[in-house]
Amino acid sequence: MATTISIDDEIFEQLRARAEREATTVNRLIEDSLRGAAMTRDEHTSDKPFELVTFGKGGQFTSYDVDRTSALIELDDIATHRN
């Protein structure tokens, strides 16, 4: 099936360069991308909308500094090896 789509010039140039590197066509890259998007979309769609339920007054959920990965790993190690 033939159709016409509008693509941002910058995106098209990126596709054209990639197609050249991979010895394929821009059309093939677009088809593959759309095919992947269509398959992924079907697998993850739901009739029920997502609703995030929260409780409490807000604010920080934990007293741990989640920006310090090493501290979180240490706490996990302590909990794992405590027994």
PDB file of N, CA and C in Angstrom:
ATOM      1  N   MET A   1       0.845  -1.173   0.000  1.00  0.00           N
ATOM      2  CA  MET A   1       0.000   0.000   0.000  1.00  0.00           C
ATOM      3  C   MET A   1       0.893   1.240   0.000  1.00  0.00           C
ATOM      4  N   ALA A   2       0.544   2.192  -0.775  1.00  0.00           N
ATOM      5  CA  ALA A   2       1.305   3.438  -0.831  1.00  0.00           C
ATOM      6  C   ALA A   2       0.556   4.516  -0.066  1.00  0.00           C
ATOM      7  N   THR A   3       1.315   5.326   0.662  1.00  0.00           N
ATOM      8  CA  THR A   3       0.720   6.443   1.396  1.00  0.00           C
ATOM      9  C   THR A   3       1.748   7.556   1.495  1.00  0.00           C
ATOM     10  N   THR A   4       1.314   8.715   1.886  1.00  0.00           N
ATOM     11  CA  THR A   4       2.207   9.858   2.038  1.00  0.00           C
ATOM     12  C   THR A   4       2.210  10.282   3.494  1.00  0.00           C
ATOM     13  N   ILE A   5       3.409  10.496   4.042  1.00  0.00           N
ATOM     14  CA  ILE A   5       3.522  10.982   5.417  1.00  0.00           C
ATOM     15  C   ILE A   5       4.450  12.190   5.438  1.00  0.00           C
ATOM     16  N   SER A   6       4.296  13.010   6.456  1.00  0.00           N
ATOM     17  CA  SER A   6       5.187  14.157   6.643  1.00  0.00           C
ATOM     18  C   SER A   6       6.174  13.816   7.745  1.00  0.00           C
ATOM     19  N   ILE A   7       7.455  14.004   7.456  1.00  0.00           N
ATOM     20  CA  ILE A   7       8.510  13.699   8.420  1.00  0.00           C
ATOM     21  C   ILE A   7       9.380  14.941   8.582  1.00  0.00           C
ATOM     22  N   ASP A   8       9.705  15.266   9.803  1.00  0.00           N
ATOM     23  CA  ASP A   8      10.604  16.372  10.100  1.00  0.00           C
ATOM     24  C   ASP A   8      11.906  16.188   9.315  1.00  0.00           C
ATOM     25  N   ASP A   9      12.420  17.271   8.751  1.00  0.00           N
ATOM     26  CA  ASP A   9      13.633  17.204   7.925  1.00  0.00           C
ATOM     27  C   ASP A   9      14.814  16.583   8.662  1.00  0.00           C
ATOM     28  N   GLU A  10      14.995  16.956   9.918  1.00  0.00           N
ATOM     29  CA  GLU A  10      16.122  16.428  10.697  1.00  0.00           C
ATOM     30  C   GLU A  10      15.987  14.915  10.899  1.00  0.00           C
ATOM     31  N   ILE A  11      14.779  14.467  11.202  1.00  0.00           N
ATOM     32  CA  ILE A  11      14.549  13.027  11.381  1.00  0.00           C
ATOM     33  C   ILE A  11      14.788  12.295  10.069  1.00  0.00           C
ATOM     34  N   PHE A  12      14.309  12.868   8.963  1.00  0.00           N
ATOM     35  CA  PHE A  12      14.508  12.226   7.669  1.00  0.00           C
ATOM     36  C   PHE A  12      15.989  12.092   7.343  1.00  0.00           C
ATOM     37  N   GLU A  13      16.763  13.123   7.628  1.00  0.00           N
ATOM     38  CA  GLU A  13      18.201  13.057   7.357  1.00  0.00           C
ATOM     39  C   GLU A  13      18.875  11.986   8.212  1.00  0.00           C
ATOM     40  N   GLN A  14      18.436  11.847   9.456  1.00  0.00           N
ATOM     41  CA  GLN A  14      18.973  10.789  10.316  1.00  0.00           C
ATOM     42  C   GLN A  14      18.608   9.414   9.755  1.00  0.00           C
ATOM     43  N   LEU A  15      17.371   9.268   9.298  1.00  0.00           N
ATOM     44  CA  LEU A  15      16.944   7.998   8.695  1.00  0.00           C
ATOM     45  C   LEU A  15      17.736   7.704   7.423  1.00  0.00           C
ATOM     46  N   ARG A  16      17.917   8.721   6.589  1.00  0.00           N
ATOM     47  CA  ARG A  16      18.649   8.537   5.340  1.00  0.00           C
ATOM     48  C   ARG A  16      20.085   8.090   5.610  1.00  0.00           C
ATOM     49  N   ALA A  17      20.730   8.719   6.596  1.00  0.00           N
ATOM     50  CA  ALA A  17      22.108   8.358   6.937  1.00  0.00           C
ATOM     51  C   ALA A  17      22.168   6.937   7.494  1.00  0.00           C
ATOM     52  N   ARG A  18      21.214   6.590   8.331  1.00  0.00           N
ATOM     53  CA  ARG A  18      21.190   5.235   8.893  1.00  0.00           C
ATOM     54  C   ARG A  18      20.932   4.201   7.804  1.00  0.00           C
ATOM     55  N   ALA A  19      20.027   4.505   6.898  1.00  0.00           N
ATOM     56  CA  ALA A  19      19.733   3.585   5.798  1.00  0.00           C
ATOM     57  C   ALA A  19      20.982   3.349   4.959  1.00  0.00           C
ATOM     58  N   GLU A  20      21.738   4.383   4.726  1.00  0.00           N
ATOM     59  CA  GLU A  20      22.973   4.246   3.953  1.00  0.00           C
ATOM     60  C   GLU A  20      23.985   3.374   4.694  1.00  0.00           C
ATOM     61  N   ARG A  21      24.138   3.605   6.006  1.00  0.00           N
ATOM     62  CA  ARG A  21      25.077   2.805   6.809  1.00  0.00           C
ATOM     63  C   ARG A  21      24.684   1.334   6.829  1.00  0.00           C
ATOM     64  N   GLU A  22      23.376   1.071   6.896  1.00  0.00           N
ATOM     65  CA  GLU A  22      22.886  -0.301   7.026  1.00  0.00           C
ATOM     66  C   GLU A  22      22.539  -0.937   5.681  1.00  0.00           C
ATOM     67  N   ALA A  23      22.845  -0.244   4.591  1.00  0.00           N
ATOM     68  CA  ALA A  23      22.574  -0.732   3.239  1.00  0.00           C
ATOM     69  C   ALA A  23      21.114  -1.163   3.091  1.00  0.00           C
ATOM     70  N   THR A  24      20.229  -0.281   3.485  1.00  0.00           N
ATOM     71  CA  THR A  24      18.798  -0.535   3.354  1.00  0.00           C
ATOM     72  C   THR A  24      18.143   0.752   2.865  1.00  0.00           C
ATOM     73  N   THR A  25      16.832   0.795   2.905  1.00  0.00           N
ATOM     74  CA  THR A  25      16.119   1.987   2.449  1.00  0.00           C
ATOM     75  C   THR A  25      15.438   2.692   3.615  1.00  0.00           C
ATOM     76  N   VAL A  26      15.166   3.968   3.414  1.00  0.00           N
ATOM     77  CA  VAL A  26      14.419   4.728   4.417  1.00  0.00           C
ATOM     78  C   VAL A  26      13.048   4.088   4.592  1.00  0.00           C
ATOM     79  N   ASN A  27      12.444   3.672   3.504  1.00  0.00           N
ATOM     80  CA  ASN A  27      11.134   3.027   3.560  1.00  0.00           C
ATOM     81  C   ASN A  27      11.162   1.799   4.473  1.00  0.00           C
ATOM     82  N   ARG A  28      12.197   0.981   4.345  1.00  0.00           N
ATOM     83  CA  ARG A  28      12.323  -0.232   5.170  1.00  0.00           C
ATOM     84  C   ARG A  28      12.479   0.136   6.647  1.00  0.00           C
ATOM     85  N   LEU A  29      13.274   1.146   6.942  1.00  0.00           N
ATOM     86  CA  LEU A  29      13.449   1.579   8.332  1.00  0.00           C
ATOM     87  C   LEU A  29      12.127   2.054   8.931  1.00  0.00           C
ATOM     88  N   ILE A  30      11.372   2.822   8.153  1.00  0.00           N
ATOM     89  CA  ILE A  30      10.076   3.311   8.635  1.00  0.00           C
ATOM     90  C   ILE A  30       9.120   2.148   8.842  1.00  0.00           C
ATOM     91  N   GLU A  31       9.060   1.221   7.884  1.00  0.00           N
ATOM     92  CA  GLU A  31       8.189   0.042   8.025  1.00  0.00           C
ATOM     93  C   GLU A  31       8.539  -0.756   9.272  1.00  0.00           C
ATOM     94  N   ASP A  32       9.824  -1.020   9.476  1.00  0.00           N
ATOM     95  CA  ASP A  32      10.256  -1.796  10.644  1.00  0.00           C
ATOM     96  C   ASP A  32       9.895  -1.089  11.946  1.00  0.00           C
ATOM     97  N   SER A  33      10.080   0.226  11.971  1.00  0.00           N
ATOM     98  CA  SER A  33       9.744   0.992  13.174  1.00  0.00           C
ATOM     99  C   SER A  33       8.251   0.955  13.453  1.00  0.00           C
ATOM    100  N   LEU A  34       7.453   1.140  12.423  1.00  0.00           N
ATOM    101  CA  LEU A  34       5.999   1.114  12.596  1.00  0.00           C
ATOM    102  C   LEU A  34       5.509  -0.274  12.985  1.00  0.00           C
ATOM    103  N   ARG A  35       6.107  -1.294  12.385  1.00  0.00           N
ATOM    104  CA  ARG A  35       5.727  -2.666  12.730  1.00  0.00           C
ATOM    105  C   ARG A  35       6.026  -2.938  14.204  1.00  0.00           C
ATOM    106  N   GLY A  36       7.203  -2.544  14.654  1.00  0.00           N
ATOM    107  CA  GLY A  36       7.566  -2.729  16.059  1.00  0.00           C
ATOM    108  C   GLY A  36       6.647  -1.954  16.984  1.00  0.00           C
ATOM    109  N   ALA A  37       6.320  -0.726  16.611  1.00  0.00           N
ATOM    110  CA  ALA A  37       5.429   0.097  17.437  1.00  0.00           C
ATOM    111  C   ALA A  37       4.032  -0.505  17.493  1.00  0.00           C
ATOM    112  N   ALA A  38       3.553  -1.023  16.378  1.00  0.00           N
ATOM    113  CA  ALA A  38       2.210  -1.609  16.348  1.00  0.00           C
ATOM    114  C   ALA A  38       2.145  -2.862  17.209  1.00  0.00           C
ATOM    115  N   MET A  39       3.176  -3.695  17.153  1.00  0.00           N
ATOM    116  CA  MET A  39       3.191  -4.924  17.954  1.00  0.00           C
ATOM    117  C   MET A  39       3.300  -4.601  19.439  1.00  0.00           C
ATOM    118  N   THR A  40       4.181  -3.688  19.787  1.00  0.00           N
ATOM    119  CA  THR A  40       4.371  -3.318  21.185  1.00  0.00           C
ATOM    120  C   THR A  40       3.100  -2.708  21.746  1.00  0.00           C
ATOM    121  N   ARG A  41       2.463  -1.867  20.990  1.00  0.00           N
ATOM    122  CA  ARG A  41       1.243  -1.188  21.430  1.00  0.00           C
ATOM    123  C   ARG A  41       0.147  -2.206  21.735  1.00  0.00           C
ATOM    124  N   ASP A  42      -0.028  -3.200  20.885  1.00  0.00           N
ATOM    125  CA  ASP A  42      -1.057  -4.212  21.100  1.00  0.00           C
ATOM    126  C   ASP A  42      -0.810  -5.010  22.367  1.00  0.00           C
ATOM    127  N   GLU A  43       0.452  -5.282  22.669  1.00  0.00           N
ATOM    128  CA  GLU A  43       0.782  -6.094  23.833  1.00  0.00           C
ATOM    129  C   GLU A  43       0.530  -5.362  25.144  1.00  0.00           C
ATOM    130  N   HIS A  44       0.658  -4.047  25.146  1.00  0.00           N
ATOM    131  CA  HIS A  44       0.622  -3.296  26.395  1.00  0.00           C
ATOM    132  C   HIS A  44      -0.622  -2.435  26.591  1.00  0.00           C
ATOM    133  N   THR A  45      -1.551  -2.489  25.678  1.00  0.00           N
ATOM    134  CA  THR A  45      -2.732  -1.653  25.853  1.00  0.00           C
ATOM    135  C   THR A  45      -3.699  -2.308  26.816  1.00  0.00           C
ATOM    136  N   SER A  46      -4.453  -1.496  27.469  1.00  0.00           N
ATOM    137  CA  SER A  46      -5.428  -1.973  28.438  1.00  0.00           C
ATOM    138  C   SER A  46      -6.660  -1.093  28.348  1.00  0.00           C
ATOM    139  N   ASP A  47      -7.818  -1.688  28.545  1.00  0.00           N
ATOM    140  CA  ASP A  47      -9.047  -0.907  28.548  1.00  0.00           C
ATOM    141  C   ASP A  47      -9.165  -0.085  29.820  1.00  0.00           C
ATOM    142  N   LYS A  48      -8.502  -0.547  30.875  1.00  0.00           N
ATOM    143  CA  LYS A  48      -8.580   0.129  32.163  1.00  0.00           C
ATOM    144  C   LYS A  48      -7.484   1.189  32.249  1.00  0.00           C
ATOM    145  N   PRO A  49      -7.845   2.450  32.481  1.00  0.00           N
ATOM    146  CA  PRO A  49      -6.813   3.485  32.595  1.00  0.00           C
ATOM    147  C   PRO A  49      -6.006   3.311  33.876  1.00  0.00           C
ATOM    148  N   PHE A  50      -4.749   3.699  33.811  1.00  0.00           N
ATOM    149  CA  PHE A  50      -3.863   3.597  34.963  1.00  0.00           C
ATOM    150  C   PHE A  50      -4.257   4.629  36.004  1.00  0.00           C
ATOM    151  N   GLU A  51      -4.310   4.209  37.253  1.00  0.00           N
ATOM    152  CA  GLU A  51      -4.604   5.130  38.342  1.00  0.00           C
ATOM    153  C   GLU A  51      -3.600   4.893  39.454  1.00  0.00           C
ATOM    154  N   LEU A  52      -2.866   5.920  39.824  1.00  0.00           N
ATOM    155  CA  LEU A  52      -1.896   5.836  40.897  1.00  0.00           C
ATOM    156  C   LEU A  52      -2.584   6.233  42.194  1.00  0.00           C
ATOM    157  N   VAL A  53      -2.683   5.282  43.111  1.00  0.00           N
ATOM    158  CA  VAL A  53      -3.339   5.532  44.385  1.00  0.00           C
ATOM    159  C   VAL A  53      -2.269   5.844  45.423  1.00  0.00           C
ATOM    160  N   THR A  54      -2.416   6.946  46.107  1.00  0.00           N
ATOM    161  CA  THR A  54      -1.454   7.332  47.135  1.00  0.00           C
ATOM    162  C   THR A  54      -2.171   7.559  48.460  1.00  0.00           C
ATOM    163  N   PHE A  55      -1.421   7.445  49.531  1.00  0.00           N
ATOM    164  CA  PHE A  55      -1.961   7.647  50.869  1.00  0.00           C
ATOM    165  C   PHE A  55      -1.026   8.560  51.639  1.00  0.00           C
ATOM    166  N   GLY A  56      -1.514   9.138  52.677  1.00  0.00           N
ATOM    167  CA  GLY A  56      -0.665   9.963  53.529  1.00  0.00           C
ATOM    168  C   GLY A  56      -0.721  11.426  53.156  1.00  0.00           C
ATOM    169  N   LYS A  57       0.215  12.161  53.721  1.00  0.00           N
ATOM    170  CA  LYS A  57       0.224  13.612  53.558  1.00  0.00           C
ATOM    171  C   LYS A  57       1.240  14.087  52.530  1.00  0.00           C
ATOM    172  N   GLY A  58       1.885  13.178  51.844  1.00  0.00           N
ATOM    173  CA  GLY A  58       2.896  13.576  50.873  1.00  0.00           C
ATOM    174  C   GLY A  58       4.251  13.704  51.530  1.00  0.00           C
ATOM    175  N   GLY A  59       5.194  14.226  50.796  1.00  0.00           N
ATOM    176  CA  GLY A  59       6.539  14.378  51.324  1.00  0.00           C
ATOM    177  C   GLY A  59       7.391  13.169  51.013  1.00  0.00           C
ATOM    178  N   GLN A  60       8.530  13.108  51.667  1.00  0.00           N
ATOM    179  CA  GLN A  60       9.490  12.040  51.421  1.00  0.00           C
ATOM    180  C   GLN A  60       8.962  10.714  51.940  1.00  0.00           C
ATOM    181  N   PHE A  61       9.044   9.686  51.106  1.00  0.00           N
ATOM    182  CA  PHE A  61       8.520   8.368  51.445  1.00  0.00           C
ATOM    183  C   PHE A  61       9.429   7.621  52.417  1.00  0.00           C
ATOM    184  N   THR A  62      10.708   7.845  52.321  1.00  0.00           N
ATOM    185  CA  THR A  62      11.663   7.103  53.131  1.00  0.00           C
ATOM    186  C   THR A  62      12.694   8.052  53.734  1.00  0.00           C
ATOM    187  N   SER A  63      13.327   7.602  54.794  1.00  0.00           N
ATOM    188  CA  SER A  63      14.379   8.422  55.395  1.00  0.00           C
ATOM    189  C   SER A  63      15.727   8.176  54.723  1.00  0.00           C
ATOM    190  N   TYR A  64      15.799   7.190  53.825  1.00  0.00           N
ATOM    191  CA  TYR A  64      17.045   6.885  53.127  1.00  0.00           C
ATOM    192  C   TYR A  64      17.272   7.881  51.995  1.00  0.00           C
ATOM    193  N   ASP A  65      18.528   8.192  51.758  1.00  0.00           N
ATOM    194  CA  ASP A  65      18.888   9.087  50.663  1.00  0.00           C
ATOM    195  C   ASP A  65      18.980   8.257  49.387  1.00  0.00           C
ATOM    196  N   VAL A  66      17.929   8.287  48.577  1.00  0.00           N
ATOM    197  CA  VAL A  66      17.884   7.451  47.378  1.00  0.00           C
ATOM    198  C   VAL A  66      18.871   7.911  46.308  1.00  0.00           C
ATOM    199  N   ASP A  67      19.461   9.082  46.482  1.00  0.00           N
ATOM    200  CA  ASP A  67      20.483   9.547  45.546  1.00  0.00           C
ATOM    201  C   ASP A  67      21.848   8.930  45.843  1.00  0.00           C
ATOM    202  N   ARG A  68      21.975   8.289  46.996  1.00  0.00           N
ATOM    203  CA  ARG A  68      23.235   7.629  47.357  1.00  0.00           C
ATOM    204  C   ARG A  68      23.073   6.129  47.155  1.00  0.00           C
ATOM    205  N   THR A  69      23.391   5.666  45.980  1.00  0.00           N
ATOM    206  CA  THR A  69      23.237   4.260  45.635  1.00  0.00           C
ATOM    207  C   THR A  69      24.015   3.358  46.577  1.00  0.00           C
ATOM    208  N   SER A  70      25.205   3.752  46.953  1.00  0.00           N
ATOM    209  CA  SER A  70      26.029   2.916  47.828  1.00  0.00           C
ATOM    210  C   SER A  70      25.341   2.691  49.169  1.00  0.00           C
ATOM    211  N   ALA A  71      24.647   3.691  49.679  1.00  0.00           N
ATOM    212  CA  ALA A  71      23.935   3.539  50.949  1.00  0.00           C
ATOM    213  C   ALA A  71      22.782   2.550  50.805  1.00  0.00           C
ATOM    214  N   LEU A  72      22.094   2.590  49.683  1.00  0.00           N
ATOM    215  CA  LEU A  72      20.993   1.652  49.452  1.00  0.00           C
ATOM    216  C   LEU A  72      21.510   0.221  49.325  1.00  0.00           C
ATOM    217  N   ILE A  73      22.626   0.048  48.631  1.00  0.00           N
ATOM    218  CA  ILE A  73      23.225  -1.282  48.483  1.00  0.00           C
ATOM    219  C   ILE A  73      23.667  -1.804  49.841  1.00  0.00           C
ATOM    220  N   GLU A  74      24.258  -0.947  50.648  1.00  0.00           N
ATOM    221  CA  GLU A  74      24.687  -1.348  51.985  1.00  0.00           C
ATOM    222  C   GLU A  74      23.492  -1.786  52.835  1.00  0.00           C
ATOM    223  N   LEU A  75      22.410  -1.047  52.789  1.00  0.00           N
ATOM    224  CA  LEU A  75      21.210  -1.424  53.545  1.00  0.00           C
ATOM    225  C   LEU A  75      20.656  -2.764  53.068  1.00  0.00           C
ATOM    226  N   ASP A  76      20.687  -2.981  51.758  1.00  0.00           N
ATOM    227  CA  ASP A  76      20.222  -4.247  51.202  1.00  0.00           C
ATOM    228  C   ASP A  76      21.120  -5.395  51.654  1.00  0.00           C
ATOM    229  N   ASP A  77      22.433  -5.188  51.646  1.00  0.00           N
ATOM    230  CA  ASP A  77      23.373  -6.215  52.106  1.00  0.00           C
ATOM    231  C   ASP A  77      23.152  -6.547  53.575  1.00  0.00           C
ATOM    232  N   ILE A  78      22.942  -5.538  54.387  1.00  0.00           N
ATOM    233  CA  ILE A  78      22.703  -5.760  55.817  1.00  0.00           C
ATOM    234  C   ILE A  78      21.446  -6.593  56.009  1.00  0.00           C
ATOM    235  N   ALA A  79      20.386  -6.253  55.294  1.00  0.00           N
ATOM    236  CA  ALA A  79      19.131  -7.000  55.413  1.00  0.00           C
ATOM    237  C   ALA A  79      19.291  -8.435  54.921  1.00  0.00           C
ATOM    238  N   THR A  80      20.049  -8.635  53.862  1.00  0.00           N
ATOM    239  CA  THR A  80      20.242  -9.970  53.295  1.00  0.00           C
ATOM    240  C   THR A  80      21.066 -10.860  54.216  1.00  0.00           C
ATOM    241  N   HIS A  81      22.112 -10.326  54.807  1.00  0.00           N
ATOM    242  CA  HIS A  81      23.049 -11.127  55.595  1.00  0.00           C
ATOM    243  C   HIS A  81      22.775 -11.096  57.094  1.00  0.00           C
ATOM    244  N   ARG A  82      21.691 -10.483  57.481  1.00  0.00           N
ATOM    245  CA  ARG A  82      21.353 -10.369  58.895  1.00  0.00           C
ATOM    246  C   ARG A  82      21.036 -11.749  59.493  1.00  0.00           C
ATOM    247  N   ASN A  83      20.433 -12.606  58.711  1.00  0.00           N
ATOM    248  CA  ASN A  83      20.024 -13.935  59.210  1.00  0.00           C
ATOM    249  C   ASN A  83      21.188 -14.820  59.342  1.00  0.00           C
TER     250      ASN A  83
END
